[in-house]
Amino acid sequence: MNDMPEIPNKRFFRPDEVARYLEYVSKRMVYRWCQEEKIRFIRYGRRTVIPREELLRIMKEGVNLE
């Protein structure tokens, strides 16, 4: 049985979307992880997006906070 939420089939997610799927973190925390390079992200001008593969990895393995 799979307890992961259903993730839409798209390539990139905004930090607020990532926070919503992770449920236990805020949008601000996702931005902080990006700033500290704890998760993979891409900048398009001022926009920050997280690749689908990274979201799935975080959901499976968590974030290395060290």
C-alpha atoms as a PDB file:
ATOM      1  CA  MET A   1       0.000   0.000   0.000  1.00  0.00           C
ATOM      2  CA  ASN A   2       1.369   3.413  -0.970  1.00  0.00           C
ATOM      3  CA  ASP A   3       0.866   6.254   1.539  1.00  0.00           C
ATOM      4  CA  MET A   4       2.482   8.950  -0.623  1.00  0.00           C
ATOM      5  CA  PRO A   5       0.051  11.634  -1.828  1.00  0.00           C
ATOM      6  CA  GLU A   6      -0.845  11.708  -5.503  1.00  0.00           C
ATOM      7  CA  ILE A   7       1.652  13.986  -7.268  1.00  0.00           C
ATOM      8  CA  PRO A   8       0.569  15.669 -10.522  1.00  0.00           C
ATOM      9  CA  ASN A   9       2.502  14.633 -13.605  1.00  0.00           C
ATOM     10  CA  LYS A  10       4.476  17.815 -14.210  1.00  0.00           C
ATOM     11  CA  ARG A  11       8.214  18.498 -14.410  1.00  0.00           C
ATOM     12  CA  PHE A  12       8.620  21.307 -11.873  1.00  0.00           C
ATOM     13  CA  PHE A  13       6.972  22.442  -8.641  1.00  0.00           C
ATOM     14  CA  ARG A  14       6.928  25.781  -6.844  1.00  0.00           C
ATOM     15  CA  PRO A  15       8.192  25.844  -3.234  1.00  0.00           C
ATOM     16  CA  ASP A  16       4.637  26.298  -1.900  1.00  0.00           C
ATOM     17  CA  GLU A  17       3.554  23.166  -3.787  1.00  0.00           C
ATOM     18  CA  VAL A  18       6.506  21.196  -2.403  1.00  0.00           C
ATOM     19  CA  ALA A  19       5.597  22.322   1.125  1.00  0.00           C
ATOM     20  CA  ARG A  20       1.993  21.226   0.573  1.00  0.00           C
ATOM     21  CA  TYR A  21       3.019  17.742  -0.602  1.00  0.00           C
ATOM     22  CA  LEU A  22       5.502  17.299   2.247  1.00  0.00           C
ATOM     23  CA  GLU A  23       2.836  18.445   4.750  1.00  0.00           C
ATOM     24  CA  TYR A  24       5.304  18.909   7.621  1.00  0.00           C
ATOM     25  CA  VAL A  25       7.221  21.945   6.326  1.00  0.00           C
ATOM     26  CA  SER A  26       6.412  25.523   5.399  1.00  0.00           C
ATOM     27  CA  LYS A  27       7.055  27.283   2.115  1.00  0.00           C
ATOM     28  CA  ARG A  28       9.686  29.338   3.936  1.00  0.00           C
ATOM     29  CA  MET A  29      11.524  26.132   4.940  1.00  0.00           C
ATOM     30  CA  VAL A  30      11.571  24.928   1.316  1.00  0.00           C
ATOM     31  CA  TYR A  31      13.106  28.272   0.267  1.00  0.00           C
ATOM     32  CA  ARG A  32      15.672  27.925   3.069  1.00  0.00           C
ATOM     33  CA  TRP A  33      16.617  24.419   1.883  1.00  0.00           C
ATOM     34  CA  CYS A  34      17.143  25.866  -1.605  1.00  0.00           C
ATOM     35  CA  GLN A  35      19.233  28.746  -0.264  1.00  0.00           C
ATOM     36  CA  GLU A  36      21.374  26.335   1.777  1.00  0.00           C
ATOM     37  CA  GLU A  37      21.596  23.966  -1.240  1.00  0.00           C
ATOM     38  CA  LYS A  38      20.109  21.065   0.712  1.00  0.00           C
ATOM     39  CA  ILE A  39      17.748  20.292  -2.172  1.00  0.00           C
ATOM     40  CA  ARG A  40      18.100  20.627  -5.936  1.00  0.00           C
ATOM     41  CA  PHE A  41      16.320  23.577  -7.511  1.00  0.00           C
ATOM     42  CA  ILE A  42      16.378  25.696 -10.653  1.00  0.00           C
ATOM     43  CA  ARG A  43      16.118  29.476 -10.902  1.00  0.00           C
ATOM     44  CA  TYR A  44      14.210  30.989 -13.826  1.00  0.00           C
ATOM     45  CA  GLY A  45      14.800  34.697 -13.348  1.00  0.00           C
ATOM     46  CA  ARG A  46      13.251  35.346  -9.940  1.00  0.00           C
ATOM     47  CA  ARG A  47      11.249  32.112  -9.948  1.00  0.00           C
ATOM     48  CA  THR A  48      12.484  29.089  -7.977  1.00  0.00           C
ATOM     49  CA  VAL A  49      11.278  25.630  -9.003  1.00  0.00           C
ATOM     50  CA  ILE A  50      12.040  22.140  -7.742  1.00  0.00           C
ATOM     51  CA  PRO A  51      12.270  19.275 -10.255  1.00  0.00           C
ATOM     52  CA  ARG A  52       9.768  16.433  -9.890  1.00  0.00           C
ATOM     53  CA  GLU A  53      12.593  13.923  -9.312  1.00  0.00           C
ATOM     54  CA  GLU A  54      13.832  15.994  -6.366  1.00  0.00           C
ATOM     55  CA  LEU A  55      10.359  16.199  -4.822  1.00  0.00           C
ATOM     56  CA  LEU A  56       9.995  12.420  -5.100  1.00  0.00           C
ATOM     57  CA  ARG A  57      13.468  11.924  -3.590  1.00  0.00           C
ATOM     58  CA  ILE A  58      12.638  14.197  -0.657  1.00  0.00           C
ATOM     59  CA  MET A  59       9.376  12.352  -0.075  1.00  0.00           C
ATOM     60  CA  LYS A  60      11.195   9.018  -0.083  1.00  0.00           C
ATOM     61  CA  GLU A  61      14.499   9.845   1.653  1.00  0.00           C
ATOM     62  CA  GLY A  62      13.929  13.155   3.427  1.00  0.00           C
ATOM     63  CA  VAL A  63      16.304  16.117   3.465  1.00  0.00           C
ATOM     64  CA  ASN A  64      19.849  15.856   4.811  1.00  0.00           C
ATOM     65  CA  LEU A  65      19.852  18.655   7.373  1.00  0.00           C
ATOM     66  CA  GLU A  66      23.547  18.379   8.268  1.00  0.00           C
END
